[in-house]
Amino acid sequence: MYGANDATIRADDYENAPFDILLFDWEGNYLTGARLNHVVHDIAYDSKNKIMYGIDRSDESVYRFDLSELVIK
């Protein structure tokens, strides 16, 4: 998984900015995407359970995103 860093968003737009994830295969072909309902700065992926974890550094929250419907393999 790859994430763009938050430096691409101006500070005054940060809270209202969409946070999207895009999934690609190993050849770089786009597979699917989803819009997250929380701000996240760091991500980790559990491939066995198809769960992505995201951390919001501003309030130290950890969010869990079920990607089982997005990830086929």
Protein backbone atom coordinates (compact mmCIF):
# COMPACT_ATOMS: atom_id res chain seq x y z
CA MET A 1 0.00 0.00 0.00
CA TYR A 2 1.12 3.53 -0.70
CA GLY A 3 -0.11 6.79 0.75
CA ALA A 4 0.49 10.35 -0.37
CA ASN A 5 1.74 12.53 2.42
CA ASP A 6 -0.31 15.26 4.06
CA ALA A 7 2.08 18.00 2.88
CA THR A 8 0.09 18.19 -0.36
CA ILE A 9 -2.90 19.66 1.52
CA ARG A 10 -2.90 23.27 2.76
CA ALA A 11 -3.40 23.62 6.50
CA ASP A 12 -6.70 25.52 6.16
CA ASP A 13 -8.14 22.80 3.89
CA TYR A 14 -6.90 19.89 5.96
CA GLU A 15 -9.99 19.12 8.05
CA ASN A 16 -12.32 19.12 5.04
CA ALA A 17 -10.01 17.29 2.63
CA PRO A 18 -11.10 13.88 1.34
CA PHE A 19 -8.92 10.93 2.25
CA ASP A 20 -8.96 8.35 -0.49
CA ILE A 21 -7.19 5.03 -0.84
CA LEU A 22 -6.41 3.59 -4.25
CA LEU A 23 -5.54 -0.07 -4.79
CA PHE A 24 -3.27 -1.26 -7.62
CA ASP A 25 -1.95 -4.66 -8.63
CA TRP A 26 1.80 -5.39 -8.77
CA GLU A 27 1.89 -4.29 -12.43
CA GLY A 28 0.54 -0.85 -11.48
CA ASN A 29 -2.97 -1.36 -12.81
CA TYR A 30 -5.71 0.43 -10.88
CA LEU A 31 -8.09 -2.02 -9.18
CA THR A 32 -10.43 0.05 -7.00
CA GLY A 33 -10.58 2.87 -4.50
CA ALA A 34 -12.49 4.08 -1.47
CA ARG A 35 -13.01 7.30 0.45
CA LEU A 36 -12.14 7.11 4.14
CA ASN A 37 -14.41 8.68 6.72
CA HIS A 38 -11.51 9.73 8.98
CA VAL A 39 -8.28 11.66 8.60
CA VAL A 40 -5.30 9.29 8.72
CA HIS A 41 -1.57 10.06 8.60
CA ASP A 42 -0.08 6.57 8.78
CA ILE A 43 -1.43 3.23 7.59
CA ALA A 44 -0.71 -0.45 8.11
CA TYR A 45 -2.37 -3.37 6.33
CA ASP A 46 -3.21 -6.84 7.69
CA SER A 47 -3.36 -8.91 4.48
CA LYS A 48 -4.59 -12.05 6.26
CA ASN A 49 -7.74 -10.35 7.55
CA LYS A 50 -7.92 -7.61 4.87
CA ILE A 51 -7.96 -4.86 7.48
CA MET A 52 -6.26 -1.48 7.12
CA TYR A 53 -5.38 0.47 10.25
CA GLY A 54 -4.99 4.24 10.13
CA ILE A 55 -3.57 6.62 12.72
CA ASP A 56 -4.64 10.23 13.11
CA ARG A 57 -1.64 11.91 14.73
CA SER A 58 -3.59 15.04 15.68
CA ASP A 59 -5.60 13.23 18.36
CA GLU A 60 -3.74 9.88 18.48
CA SER A 61 -6.79 7.94 17.28
CA VAL A 62 -6.46 4.56 15.60
CA TYR A 63 -9.09 3.58 13.02
CA ARG A 64 -9.85 0.18 11.55
CA PHE A 65 -11.09 -0.16 7.96
CA ASP A 66 -12.46 -3.46 6.68
CA LEU A 67 -11.23 -3.81 3.08
CA SER A 68 -12.58 -7.34 2.53
CA GLU A 69 -15.11 -6.11 -0.03
CA LEU A 70 -12.44 -4.14 -1.92
CA VAL A 71 -9.59 -6.66 -1.88
CA ILE A 72 -10.29 -9.74 -4.00
CA LYS A 73 -7.20 -11.87 -3.31
